[in-house]
């Protein structure tokens, strides 16, 4: 993984000192609320219902074992003994005191971590495929380009105050696991007819009040032009994006209002001006790419690992076999698997992890996965480089920490935002709904029979839980002080991305599991052999589900 140089470290250390001074002056009454709000957002601090919330950056989801131990230390020392992984691959602490945040940031800086640009109207964390660098379907490892974008975008003076927050996602594989089509800018590594590898650039995606899938702005961008082209897009957005209405300030609204061709023309004009400028050269040269790639090409693999017979071991233990099938993925290196660590055990708030679990996972990463982990936008973790011969011992160790629930990709592997339990913007509780669903659908054989099913749950229209692109999406709404949930079906954030369709009127919050059971009954009765929920929905449409859900109402 990328290691800070002296300049990176100096920037982070100086920012800690600056924010410590700013916070002390605010607590002493020398800085007003409005002025301090801008400063705290620049450093990842929100004010929630119960306490401040600190969001820690995890660029493209890559975490070292020392970093995870530091997050555990912070959870135990400054929070309530746990942290929460988000859909942007970051970590949130929900209970720090405001006066302790500078101390937290100082400790994070000792392990090359920070909270800069995790909030505010700026370029946020660059997210990526959680199987980057190891997946057999990969065209090229996207992480070096994620790191290059991170360095270019961090503290970029021209884009410190954008019209609205701005999000990137980068994928290097044939299967889009990074949800590139629902981001402000999506970047996909592609190969052209001549066999050259470059970038497909998508723009104008996003969820929230106005969900829109991104459009293809450039079908094939040569690698050297990546930063200059991104700069052109950001300049157009910065100049033309609306600042009079926060709900219409995202780039997706600008692209929609101008039209894709007019927006492309503006970008091309700005891009040409950048290329002709003598003030700064944004050309991405091969030497710089090679320098950054070297940070990610240092893994050591056991050449004899492929000799181990995993199938034979799975046949002797049914529970282990289920876990391998659900919670591991193929690796491009023979004899290795990627292991998903489920943060969706029954009774656990999705994405939450205790300090003890973090510490134990750091140890397991050192023992079994070369000292690294990844966070996913589905709020789980990945140990990416595990020998097949080590899977059984790792499974047993994870099980002891309640981290081996074999439910990845099933109904209970749901995305869930913190909702009204923590978030001041939420319209409804979400964690209690997640528990309601877990309590109802607790039989693993039934979950396996349902197959892949992406359930995504948001406590409000801001869609932090990505409900618009869930196979089944749940949206919390307020009705005259009562909490209800609207249901959508048929969404996806993968290659054939789609926005879910609203099924009908919302259901009371305590009837969500009942509603899901009716929906799943239709799927089971109507599916063809081997057909997934999404395939069945695409074939029969929403009417049979709607009729079943609202019968006798």
Protein backbone atom coordinates (compact mmCIF):
# COMPACT_ATOMS: atom_id res chain seq x y z
CA UNK A 1 0.00 0.00 0.00
CA UNK A 2 1.04 3.62 -0.44
CA UNK A 3 3.46 4.92 2.22
CA UNK A 4 3.62 8.62 3.09
CA UNK A 5 6.75 10.56 2.20
CA UNK A 6 8.00 13.51 4.29
CA UNK A 7 5.69 15.92 2.47
CA UNK A 8 2.56 13.84 3.05
CA UNK A 9 3.37 13.51 6.75
CA UNK A 10 4.16 17.20 7.17
CA UNK A 11 0.84 18.24 5.60
CA UNK A 12 -1.13 15.95 7.93
CA UNK A 13 0.80 17.02 11.04
CA UNK A 14 0.33 20.70 10.22
CA UNK A 15 -3.38 20.21 9.67
CA UNK A 16 -3.70 18.62 13.13
CA UNK A 17 -1.98 21.63 14.72
CA UNK A 18 -4.23 24.03 12.79
CA UNK A 19 -7.43 22.28 13.80
CA UNK A 20 -6.32 22.01 17.42
CA UNK A 21 -5.87 25.78 17.52
CA UNK A 22 -9.19 26.38 15.75
CA UNK A 23 -11.06 24.08 18.14
CA UNK A 24 -9.51 25.65 21.24
CA UNK A 25 -10.48 29.11 20.00
CA UNK A 26 -14.03 27.93 19.25
CA UNK A 27 -14.43 26.38 22.71
CA UNK A 28 -13.11 29.64 24.21
CA UNK A 29 -15.75 31.63 22.32
CA UNK A 30 -13.24 33.32 20.01
CA UNK A 31 -14.65 31.72 16.82
CA UNK A 32 -18.34 31.82 16.00
CA UNK A 33 -20.53 28.79 15.24
CA UNK A 34 -20.84 29.48 11.50
CA UNK A 35 -17.11 30.05 11.04
CA UNK A 36 -16.20 26.93 13.01
CA UNK A 37 -18.72 24.80 11.12
CA UNK A 38 -16.70 25.24 7.92
CA UNK A 39 -13.48 24.37 9.72
CA UNK A 40 -14.81 21.23 11.42
CA UNK A 41 -16.36 19.93 8.20
CA UNK A 42 -12.99 20.32 6.49
CA UNK A 43 -11.68 17.93 9.15
CA UNK A 44 -14.45 15.35 9.04
CA UNK A 45 -16.45 16.44 12.09
CA UNK A 46 -20.26 16.47 12.01
CA UNK A 47 -22.71 17.37 14.76
CA UNK A 48 -25.23 14.57 15.12
CA UNK A 49 -28.17 13.91 17.45
CA UNK A 50 -26.22 12.69 20.47
CA UNK A 51 -22.61 13.72 19.93
CA UNK A 52 -20.12 14.84 17.28
CA UNK A 53 -19.32 12.27 14.62
CA UNK A 54 -15.82 11.92 13.18
CA UNK A 55 -15.37 10.35 9.74
CA UNK A 56 -11.89 8.93 9.11
CA UNK A 57 -10.61 8.61 5.54
CA UNK A 58 -9.62 5.19 4.23
CA UNK A 59 -8.48 5.90 0.65
CA UNK A 60 -9.84 3.27 -1.76
CA UNK A 61 -10.58 1.08 1.28
CA UNK A 62 -7.02 -0.11 1.95
CA UNK A 63 -6.04 -0.53 5.62
CA UNK A 64 -2.81 -1.79 7.19
CA UNK A 65 -2.85 -3.82 10.40
CA UNK A 66 -1.20 -0.96 12.41
CA UNK A 67 -3.89 1.39 11.13
CA UNK A 68 -6.67 -0.98 12.20
CA UNK A 69 -5.07 -1.29 15.64
CA UNK A 70 -5.06 2.51 15.89
CA UNK A 71 -8.76 2.62 14.97
CA UNK A 72 -9.36 0.07 17.73
CA UNK A 73 -7.42 2.22 20.18
CA UNK A 74 -9.48 5.29 19.26
CA UNK A 75 -12.73 3.35 19.60
CA UNK A 76 -11.75 2.19 23.07
CA UNK A 77 -10.22 5.46 24.29
CA UNK A 78 -12.42 8.15 22.77
CA UNK A 79 -15.65 6.41 21.71
CA UNK A 80 -17.92 3.66 23.04
CA UNK A 81 -15.65 0.78 22.09
CA UNK A 82 -16.70 0.45 18.44
CA UNK A 83 -16.50 2.05 15.01
CA UNK A 84 -18.72 1.99 11.94
CA UNK A 85 -17.66 1.26 8.34
CA UNK A 86 -19.52 3.30 5.74
CA UNK A 87 -20.52 2.83 2.10
CA UNK A 88 -17.60 5.09 1.10
CA UNK A 89 -15.16 2.60 2.64
CA UNK A 90 -14.42 5.04 5.50
CA UNK A 91 -14.84 4.64 9.26
CA UNK A 92 -17.07 6.75 11.49
CA UNK A 93 -16.87 7.27 15.24
CA UNK A 94 -20.23 8.31 16.65
CA UNK A 95 -19.38 9.36 20.22
CA UNK A 96 -16.19 11.46 20.48
CA UNK A 97 -16.28 14.73 22.38
CA UNK A 98 -15.46 17.82 20.37
CA UNK A 99 -12.49 18.73 22.55
CA UNK A 100 -10.98 15.25 22.02
CA UNK A 101 -11.06 15.35 18.20
CA UNK A 102 -7.67 17.10 17.79
CA UNK A 103 -6.10 14.40 19.98
CA UNK A 104 -7.74 11.70 17.85
CA UNK A 105 -6.43 13.32 14.66
CA UNK A 106 -2.94 13.54 16.16
CA UNK A 107 -2.98 9.82 16.95
CA UNK A 108 -4.31 8.98 13.48
CA UNK A 109 -1.45 10.96 11.94
CA UNK A 110 1.08 8.61 13.56
CA UNK A 111 -0.20 5.79 11.32
CA UNK A 112 -0.68 7.90 8.17
CA UNK A 113 -4.41 8.48 8.57
CA UNK A 114 -6.55 11.61 8.70
CA UNK A 115 -10.09 12.96 8.32
CA UNK A 116 -9.41 15.66 5.73
CA UNK A 117 -12.09 16.03 3.02
CA UNK A 118 -14.37 13.36 4.43
CA UNK A 119 -17.09 16.01 4.62
CA UNK A 120 -17.88 19.43 3.20
CA UNK A 121 -18.28 20.59 -0.40
CA UNK A 122 -15.03 19.15 -1.69
CA UNK A 123 -13.63 16.09 -3.46
CA UNK A 124 -14.31 13.20 -1.08
CA UNK A 125 -12.68 9.81 -0.64
CA UNK A 126 -11.76 8.00 -3.85
CA UNK A 127 -13.40 4.57 -3.66
CA UNK A 128 -12.49 1.44 -5.59
CA UNK A 129 -13.20 -2.23 -6.20
CA UNK A 130 -12.50 -4.11 -2.96
CA UNK A 131 -10.95 -6.93 -5.03
CA UNK A 132 -8.59 -4.58 -6.85
CA UNK A 133 -5.27 -6.14 -7.76
CA UNK A 134 -6.35 -9.73 -7.12
CA UNK A 135 -9.48 -10.42 -9.17
CA UNK A 136 -9.15 -12.77 -12.18
CA UNK A 137 -11.47 -10.52 -14.26
CA UNK A 138 -9.27 -7.46 -13.85
CA UNK A 139 -7.94 -5.51 -16.83
CA UNK A 140 -5.50 -3.59 -14.63
CA UNK A 141 -5.12 -2.77 -10.94
CA UNK A 142 -6.94 0.56 -10.39
CA UNK A 143 -5.34 1.36 -7.02
CA UNK A 144 -2.29 3.23 -8.39
CA UNK A 145 -4.65 5.54 -10.27
CA UNK A 146 -6.80 5.94 -7.15
CA UNK A 147 -3.70 7.03 -5.27
CA UNK A 148 -2.69 9.44 -8.03
CA UNK A 149 -6.20 10.95 -7.95
CA UNK A 150 -6.03 11.15 -4.15
CA UNK A 151 -2.78 13.08 -4.27
CA UNK A 152 -4.06 15.41 -6.99
CA UNK A 153 -7.37 16.08 -5.24
CA UNK A 154 -6.24 16.40 -1.62
CA UNK A 155 -6.28 20.05 -0.57
CA UNK A 156 -6.59 21.14 -4.21
CA UNK A 157 -6.96 24.93 -3.80
CA UNK A 158 -9.25 25.42 -6.81
CA UNK A 159 -11.77 22.86 -5.60
CA UNK A 160 -11.86 23.49 -1.85
CA UNK A 161 -15.36 25.04 -2.06
CA UNK A 162 -17.30 23.25 -4.75
CA UNK A 163 -21.05 23.77 -5.21
CA UNK A 164 -21.59 20.43 -3.44
CA UNK A 165 -19.72 17.32 -2.30
CA UNK A 166 -18.02 15.37 -5.09
CA UNK A 167 -17.32 11.63 -5.27
CA UNK A 168 -15.11 9.40 -7.44
CA UNK A 169 -15.18 5.63 -7.93
CA UNK A 170 -12.62 3.65 -9.93
CA UNK A 171 -12.89 0.12 -11.32
CA UNK A 172 -10.30 -1.92 -13.20
CA UNK A 173 -12.34 -5.09 -13.72
CA UNK A 174 -14.88 -6.37 -16.21
CA UNK A 175 -17.37 -6.70 -13.34
CA UNK A 176 -18.08 -3.31 -11.79
CA UNK A 177 -17.85 -3.83 -8.04
CA UNK A 178 -17.17 -0.13 -7.36
CA UNK A 179 -20.63 1.21 -8.32
CA UNK A 180 -19.05 3.63 -10.80
CA UNK A 181 -22.41 4.53 -12.37
CA UNK A 182 -23.79 6.17 -9.23
CA UNK A 183 -20.89 8.57 -8.66
CA UNK A 184 -20.21 12.14 -9.74
CA UNK A 185 -17.31 10.74 -11.76
CA UNK A 186 -16.93 7.05 -12.49
CA UNK A 187 -13.67 5.79 -13.97
CA UNK A 188 -13.40 2.39 -15.62
CA UNK A 189 -10.18 0.92 -17.00
CA UNK A 190 -10.99 -0.40 -20.48
CA UNK A 191 -9.17 -1.86 -23.48
CA UNK A 192 -9.73 -0.42 -26.96
CA UNK A 193 -9.74 -2.24 -30.30
CA UNK A 194 -5.97 -1.74 -30.61
CA UNK A 195 -5.42 -3.50 -27.28
CA UNK A 196 -4.42 -0.32 -25.45
CA UNK A 197 -5.62 0.24 -21.89
CA UNK A 198 -7.16 3.61 -21.04
CA UNK A 199 -10.12 5.05 -19.16
CA UNK A 200 -13.84 5.25 -19.79
CA UNK A 201 -15.07 8.37 -17.99
CA UNK A 202 -18.64 8.54 -16.70
CA UNK A 203 -20.15 11.69 -15.23
CA UNK A 204 -23.28 12.86 -13.45
CA UNK A 205 -24.29 9.85 -11.39
CA UNK A 206 -25.70 10.05 -7.89
CA UNK A 207 -28.56 9.05 -5.62
CA UNK A 208 -30.40 11.16 -3.02
CA UNK A 209 -33.47 13.22 -3.90
CA UNK A 210 -32.79 12.98 -7.63
CA UNK A 211 -31.28 9.57 -8.43
CA UNK A 212 -29.51 9.53 -11.80
CA UNK A 213 -27.18 7.02 -13.43
CA UNK A 214 -23.94 8.42 -14.82
CA UNK A 215 -23.49 9.00 -18.54
CA UNK A 216 -20.46 8.17 -20.65
CA UNK A 217 -18.53 11.40 -21.22
CA UNK A 218 -15.44 9.88 -22.84
CA UNK A 219 -15.35 6.32 -24.20
CA UNK A 220 -11.56 6.06 -24.20
CA UNK A 221 -9.23 8.50 -22.50
CA UNK A 222 -5.48 7.80 -22.87
CA UNK A 223 -3.78 7.27 -19.53
CA UNK A 224 -1.49 10.34 -19.70
CA UNK A 225 -4.54 12.63 -19.91
CA UNK A 226 -6.35 11.39 -16.79
CA UNK A 227 -5.63 14.31 -14.45
CA UNK A 228 -5.98 17.04 -17.06
CA UNK A 229 -9.38 15.66 -18.10
CA UNK A 230 -10.60 15.34 -14.51
CA UNK A 231 -9.40 18.88 -13.86
CA UNK A 232 -11.42 20.12 -16.84
CA UNK A 233 -14.59 18.42 -15.54
CA UNK A 234 -14.13 19.89 -12.07
CA UNK A 235 -13.49 23.38 -13.47
CA UNK A 236 -16.69 23.30 -15.52
CA UNK A 237 -18.63 22.10 -12.50
CA UNK A 238 -17.05 24.70 -10.23
CA UNK A 239 -17.93 27.51 -12.64
CA UNK A 240 -21.36 26.34 -13.81
CA UNK A 241 -22.77 24.34 -10.88
CA UNK A 242 -25.61 25.93 -8.94
CA UNK A 243 -24.87 27.44 -5.55
CA UNK A 244 -28.31 28.90 -4.83
CA UNK A 245 -30.00 25.57 -4.10
CA UNK A 246 -28.20 22.71 -2.34
CA UNK A 247 -30.64 20.16 -3.77
CA UNK A 248 -29.75 21.20 -7.33
CA UNK A 249 -26.04 21.77 -6.78
CA UNK A 250 -24.69 18.32 -7.70
CA UNK A 251 -22.98 17.79 -11.04
CA UNK A 252 -25.72 15.35 -12.06
CA UNK A 253 -28.18 18.28 -12.17
CA UNK A 254 -25.74 20.37 -14.22
CA UNK A 255 -25.26 17.57 -16.76
CA UNK A 256 -29.00 17.03 -16.91
CA UNK A 257 -29.82 20.73 -17.37
CA UNK A 258 -27.12 21.42 -20.00
CA UNK A 259 -27.45 18.11 -21.79
CA UNK A 260 -24.56 15.68 -22.17
CA UNK A 261 -23.31 17.11 -25.50
CA UNK A 262 -23.27 20.71 -24.28
CA UNK A 263 -21.54 19.63 -21.07
CA UNK A 264 -18.98 17.65 -23.08
CA UNK A 265 -18.29 20.69 -25.27
CA UNK A 266 -17.56 22.81 -22.21
CA UNK A 267 -15.26 20.14 -20.80
CA UNK A 268 -13.41 19.78 -24.12
CA UNK A 269 -12.90 23.56 -24.30
CA UNK A 270 -11.56 23.70 -20.77
CA UNK A 271 -9.43 20.60 -21.36
CA UNK A 272 -7.79 22.19 -24.38
CA UNK A 273 -7.00 25.31 -22.36
CA UNK A 274 -5.40 23.18 -19.64
CA UNK A 275 -3.27 21.30 -22.15
CA UNK A 276 -2.09 24.56 -23.72
CA UNK A 277 -1.32 26.18 -20.38
CA UNK A 278 2.30 26.68 -19.41
CA UNK A 279 1.57 27.21 -15.70
CA UNK A 280 1.24 23.52 -14.83
CA UNK A 281 1.74 20.23 -16.65
CA UNK A 282 -0.89 17.69 -15.62
CA UNK A 283 0.31 15.01 -18.05
CA UNK A 284 0.59 11.70 -16.25
CA UNK A 285 3.96 10.34 -17.31
CA UNK A 286 5.01 6.69 -17.23
CA UNK A 287 7.69 7.29 -14.59
CA UNK A 288 5.16 8.65 -12.09
CA UNK A 289 2.73 5.80 -12.75
CA UNK A 290 5.55 3.29 -12.27
CA UNK A 291 6.60 4.98 -9.02
CA UNK A 292 3.10 4.69 -7.57
CA UNK A 293 2.54 1.17 -8.93
CA UNK A 294 5.61 -0.01 -7.02
CA UNK A 295 3.74 0.53 -3.73
CA UNK A 296 1.13 -2.05 -4.82
CA UNK A 297 3.34 -4.63 -6.55
CA UNK A 298 5.19 -5.85 -3.48
CA UNK A 299 3.16 -8.90 -2.46
CA UNK A 300 4.94 -12.22 -1.88
CA UNK A 301 3.03 -15.37 -2.82
CA UNK A 302 3.77 -19.00 -2.03
CA UNK A 303 4.48 -20.82 -5.29
CA UNK A 304 3.45 -24.15 -3.73
CA UNK A 305 0.05 -22.91 -2.44
CA UNK A 306 -1.85 -24.34 -5.41
CA UNK A 307 -1.06 -27.90 -4.33
CA UNK A 308 -3.56 -27.78 -1.46
CA UNK A 309 -6.89 -29.57 -2.07
CA UNK A 310 -9.57 -27.20 -0.77
CA UNK A 311 -12.45 -29.20 -2.20
CA UNK A 312 -11.47 -32.22 -0.13
CA UNK A 313 -11.39 -30.14 3.05
CA UNK A 314 -14.80 -28.58 2.29
CA UNK A 315 -16.37 -32.02 1.86
CA UNK A 316 -15.50 -32.91 5.44
CA UNK A 317 -17.17 -29.90 7.09
CA UNK A 318 -20.55 -28.54 5.92
CA UNK A 319 -20.40 -25.27 7.87
CA UNK A 320 -16.91 -24.52 6.58
CA UNK A 321 -18.02 -25.38 3.05
CA UNK A 322 -20.91 -22.89 3.23
CA UNK A 323 -18.54 -20.20 4.50
CA UNK A 324 -16.04 -20.82 1.70
CA UNK A 325 -18.82 -20.65 -0.89
CA UNK A 326 -20.42 -17.48 0.48
CA UNK A 327 -17.54 -15.57 2.03
CA UNK A 328 -14.56 -16.18 -0.24
CA UNK A 329 -13.81 -15.14 -3.81
CA UNK A 330 -11.39 -16.32 -6.52
CA UNK A 331 -7.88 -14.89 -6.56
CA UNK A 332 -5.74 -14.45 -9.67
CA UNK A 333 -2.90 -16.19 -7.80
CA UNK A 334 -3.32 -19.96 -7.80
CA UNK A 335 -3.80 -21.41 -4.32
CA UNK A 336 -5.19 -18.20 -2.79
CA UNK A 337 -8.66 -16.81 -2.02
CA UNK A 338 -10.01 -13.44 -0.96
CA UNK A 339 -11.94 -13.70 2.31
CA UNK A 340 -14.92 -11.51 3.15
CA UNK A 341 -15.25 -10.70 6.85
CA UNK A 342 -18.96 -10.26 7.47
CA UNK A 343 -19.92 -7.31 9.68
CA UNK A 344 -23.55 -8.43 9.45
CA UNK A 345 -23.84 -11.03 12.18
CA UNK A 346 -27.38 -11.39 13.59
CA UNK A 347 -27.96 -8.73 16.21
CA UNK A 348 -25.11 -6.58 14.91
CA UNK A 349 -25.75 -3.16 13.40
CA UNK A 350 -24.51 -3.49 9.79
CA UNK A 351 -21.01 -2.07 9.45
CA UNK A 352 -20.29 -1.86 13.19
CA UNK A 353 -17.13 -3.44 14.59
CA UNK A 354 -15.81 -3.51 18.15
CA UNK A 355 -12.33 -2.52 19.28
CA UNK A 356 -11.61 -6.14 20.25
CA UNK A 357 -12.69 -7.38 16.82
CA UNK A 358 -10.48 -4.79 15.13
CA UNK A 359 -7.46 -5.81 17.17
CA UNK A 360 -8.01 -9.50 16.49
CA UNK A 361 -8.52 -8.82 12.77
CA UNK A 362 -5.26 -6.88 12.65
CA UNK A 363 -3.51 -9.93 14.11
CA UNK A 364 -5.21 -12.22 11.58
CA UNK A 365 -4.21 -9.90 8.73
CA UNK A 366 -0.59 -10.16 9.85
CA UNK A 367 -0.79 -13.93 10.09
CA UNK A 368 -2.81 -14.75 6.99
CA UNK A 369 -3.01 -11.75 4.61
CA UNK A 370 0.34 -9.93 4.51
CA UNK A 371 -0.75 -7.28 7.00
CA UNK A 372 -3.50 -5.65 4.95
CA UNK A 373 -7.30 -5.46 4.86
CA UNK A 374 -9.85 -3.72 2.66
CA UNK A 375 -13.19 -2.14 3.50
CA UNK A 376 -16.03 -2.55 1.01
CA UNK A 377 -18.86 -0.24 0.03
CA UNK A 378 -21.17 -3.01 1.27
CA UNK A 379 -19.87 -2.34 4.82
CA UNK A 380 -17.80 -5.49 5.17
CA UNK A 381 -14.04 -6.16 5.26
CA UNK A 382 -11.78 -8.27 3.04
CA UNK A 383 -8.61 -10.20 3.77
CA UNK A 384 -7.35 -10.27 0.21
CA UNK A 385 -4.37 -12.66 0.11
CA UNK A 386 -5.19 -15.82 2.06
CA UNK A 387 -3.69 -19.18 1.17
CA UNK A 388 -6.34 -21.84 0.68
CA UNK A 389 -4.45 -24.02 3.14
CA UNK A 390 -5.03 -21.35 5.82
CA UNK A 391 -8.76 -20.88 5.25
CA UNK A 392 -9.92 -23.38 7.86
CA UNK A 393 -7.80 -21.91 10.64
CA UNK A 394 -8.84 -18.40 9.64
CA UNK A 395 -12.52 -19.39 9.60
CA UNK A 396 -12.25 -20.78 13.13
CA UNK A 397 -10.51 -17.62 14.36
CA UNK A 398 -13.11 -15.36 12.74
CA UNK A 399 -15.92 -17.45 14.19
CA UNK A 400 -14.56 -16.89 17.70
CA UNK A 401 -14.98 -13.13 17.12
CA UNK A 402 -18.49 -13.41 15.57
CA UNK A 403 -17.03 -12.40 12.19
CA UNK A 404 -17.67 -15.57 10.20
CA UNK A 405 -21.39 -15.30 9.44
CA UNK A 406 -21.66 -16.98 6.04
CA UNK A 407 -24.11 -14.47 4.57
CA UNK A 408 -22.17 -12.40 2.02
CA UNK A 409 -24.46 -11.55 -0.89
CA UNK A 410 -27.59 -12.80 0.89
CA UNK A 411 -30.62 -10.91 2.19
CA UNK A 412 -29.07 -10.29 5.62
CA UNK A 413 -25.86 -8.86 4.10
CA UNK A 414 -27.72 -5.57 3.89
CA UNK A 415 -26.37 -2.05 3.55
CA UNK A 416 -27.83 0.12 6.30
CA UNK A 417 -27.19 3.75 7.25
CA UNK A 418 -27.23 4.80 10.95
CA UNK A 419 -30.67 6.38 10.49
CA UNK A 420 -32.55 8.31 13.14
CA UNK A 421 -30.66 6.48 15.88
CA UNK A 422 -27.71 8.80 15.18
CA UNK A 423 -28.25 11.04 12.16
CA UNK A 424 -29.99 14.39 12.56
CA UNK A 425 -31.01 14.35 8.88
CA UNK A 426 -32.84 11.01 9.04
CA UNK A 427 -36.59 10.57 8.76
CA UNK A 428 -36.80 7.11 10.32
CA UNK A 429 -34.86 4.62 12.40
CA UNK A 430 -32.93 2.07 10.37
CA UNK A 431 -30.99 -0.09 12.82
CA UNK A 432 -34.21 -1.42 14.38
CA UNK A 433 -35.45 -2.32 10.89
CA UNK A 434 -32.21 -4.20 10.19
CA UNK A 435 -32.74 -6.14 13.43
CA UNK A 436 -36.36 -6.82 12.51
CA UNK A 437 -35.23 -8.31 9.20
CA UNK A 438 -32.46 -10.36 10.80
CA UNK A 439 -34.87 -11.75 13.40
CA UNK A 440 -37.38 -12.77 10.73
CA UNK A 441 -34.98 -14.27 8.20
CA UNK A 442 -32.66 -16.22 10.47
CA UNK A 443 -32.55 -19.58 8.68
CA UNK A 444 -29.40 -19.83 6.58
CA UNK A 445 -30.73 -22.58 4.29
CA UNK A 446 -33.60 -20.26 3.32
CA UNK A 447 -31.18 -17.41 2.63
CA UNK A 448 -29.00 -19.66 0.47
CA UNK A 449 -32.08 -20.84 -1.44
CA UNK A 450 -33.00 -17.22 -2.22
CA UNK A 451 -29.56 -16.72 -3.76
CA UNK A 452 -27.92 -13.36 -4.35
CA UNK A 453 -30.14 -10.62 -3.01
CA UNK A 454 -28.92 -7.06 -2.43
CA UNK A 455 -31.03 -5.34 0.24
CA UNK A 456 -30.18 -1.67 0.82
CA UNK A 457 -31.75 0.47 3.52
CA UNK A 458 -31.71 4.27 3.94
CA UNK A 459 -33.22 6.22 6.82
CA UNK A 460 -33.93 9.25 4.63
CA UNK A 461 -33.99 10.56 1.07
CA UNK A 462 -30.26 11.38 1.17
CA UNK A 463 -29.77 7.69 0.34
CA UNK A 464 -26.61 6.95 2.32
CA UNK A 465 -27.76 3.33 2.28
CA UNK A 466 -27.97 3.29 -1.55
CA UNK A 467 -31.58 2.08 -1.47
CA UNK A 468 -32.21 3.25 -5.06
CA UNK A 469 -29.86 0.55 -6.41
CA UNK A 470 -30.87 -2.31 -4.14
CA UNK A 471 -32.48 -5.39 -5.63
CA UNK A 472 -34.84 -4.51 -2.80
CA UNK A 473 -34.56 -0.94 -1.53
CA UNK A 474 -36.05 0.44 1.69
CA UNK A 475 -36.46 4.18 2.27
CA UNK A 476 -37.50 5.63 5.61
CA UNK A 477 -40.11 8.40 5.40
CA UNK A 478 -41.92 10.52 7.97
CA UNK A 479 -45.72 10.70 7.87
CA UNK A 480 -47.02 13.23 10.37
CA UNK A 481 -44.58 12.10 13.01
CA UNK A 482 -44.85 8.37 12.26
CA UNK A 483 -42.10 6.30 10.67
CA UNK A 484 -42.86 4.41 7.46
CA UNK A 485 -40.81 2.64 4.77
CA UNK A 486 -41.17 2.95 1.01
CA UNK A 487 -40.12 -0.14 -1.00
CA UNK A 488 -38.38 -0.21 -4.37
CA UNK A 489 -37.55 -3.25 -6.48
CA UNK A 490 -35.20 -3.98 -9.36
CA UNK A 491 -32.24 -1.70 -8.65
CA UNK A 492 -28.58 -2.53 -9.25
CA UNK A 493 -25.22 -0.75 -8.95
CA UNK A 494 -23.27 -3.23 -11.07
CA UNK A 495 -22.66 -3.51 -14.83
CA UNK A 496 -26.32 -3.31 -15.83
CA UNK A 497 -27.03 -0.52 -13.36
CA UNK A 498 -30.67 0.37 -12.75
CA UNK A 499 -32.73 2.47 -10.36
CA UNK A 500 -35.37 0.56 -8.44
CA UNK A 501 -39.06 1.17 -9.07
CA UNK A 502 -41.34 2.25 -6.24
CA UNK A 503 -43.68 -0.64 -5.48
CA UNK A 504 -46.52 1.39 -3.99
CA UNK A 505 -47.44 3.23 -0.82
CA UNK A 506 -45.12 2.99 2.18
CA UNK A 507 -45.62 0.45 4.96
CA UNK A 508 -45.41 1.14 8.72
CA UNK A 509 -41.94 0.64 10.17
CA UNK A 510 -42.98 -2.36 12.26
CA UNK A 511 -44.37 -4.15 9.17
CA UNK A 512 -41.22 -4.06 7.01
CA UNK A 513 -40.28 -7.70 7.62
CA UNK A 514 -43.87 -8.76 6.86
CA UNK A 515 -43.70 -6.87 3.57
CA UNK A 516 -40.39 -8.47 2.66
CA UNK A 517 -41.78 -11.91 3.36
CA UNK A 518 -44.64 -11.32 0.93
CA UNK A 519 -42.26 -10.05 -1.75
CA UNK A 520 -40.00 -13.05 -1.34
CA UNK A 521 -42.97 -15.42 -1.49
CA UNK A 522 -43.77 -14.08 -4.96
CA UNK A 523 -40.16 -14.52 -6.05
CA UNK A 524 -39.94 -18.12 -4.82
CA UNK A 525 -43.25 -19.06 -6.47
CA UNK A 526 -42.54 -17.32 -9.78
CA UNK A 527 -38.83 -17.94 -10.40
CA UNK A 528 -37.56 -20.28 -13.05
CA UNK A 529 -34.85 -22.80 -12.26
CA UNK A 530 -31.58 -21.02 -11.47
CA UNK A 531 -33.16 -17.58 -11.81
CA UNK A 532 -32.04 -14.80 -9.45
CA UNK A 533 -34.38 -12.32 -7.79
CA UNK A 534 -33.27 -9.58 -10.17
CA UNK A 535 -33.82 -11.83 -13.20
CA UNK A 536 -37.27 -12.84 -12.01
CA UNK A 537 -38.22 -9.21 -11.40
CA UNK A 538 -36.98 -8.26 -14.86
CA UNK A 539 -39.11 -10.99 -16.41
CA UNK A 540 -42.41 -10.57 -14.53
CA UNK A 541 -42.28 -6.90 -13.54
CA UNK A 542 -43.53 -5.33 -10.36
CA UNK A 543 -47.27 -6.02 -10.64
CA UNK A 544 -47.29 -9.53 -9.05
CA UNK A 545 -45.25 -8.20 -6.11
CA UNK A 546 -47.53 -5.20 -5.75
CA UNK A 547 -50.68 -7.33 -5.80
CA UNK A 548 -49.32 -9.65 -3.11
CA UNK A 549 -48.10 -6.84 -0.85
CA UNK A 550 -51.27 -4.78 -0.95
CA UNK A 551 -53.85 -7.58 -1.03
CA UNK A 552 -56.66 -7.02 1.47
CA UNK A 553 -55.70 -3.37 1.92
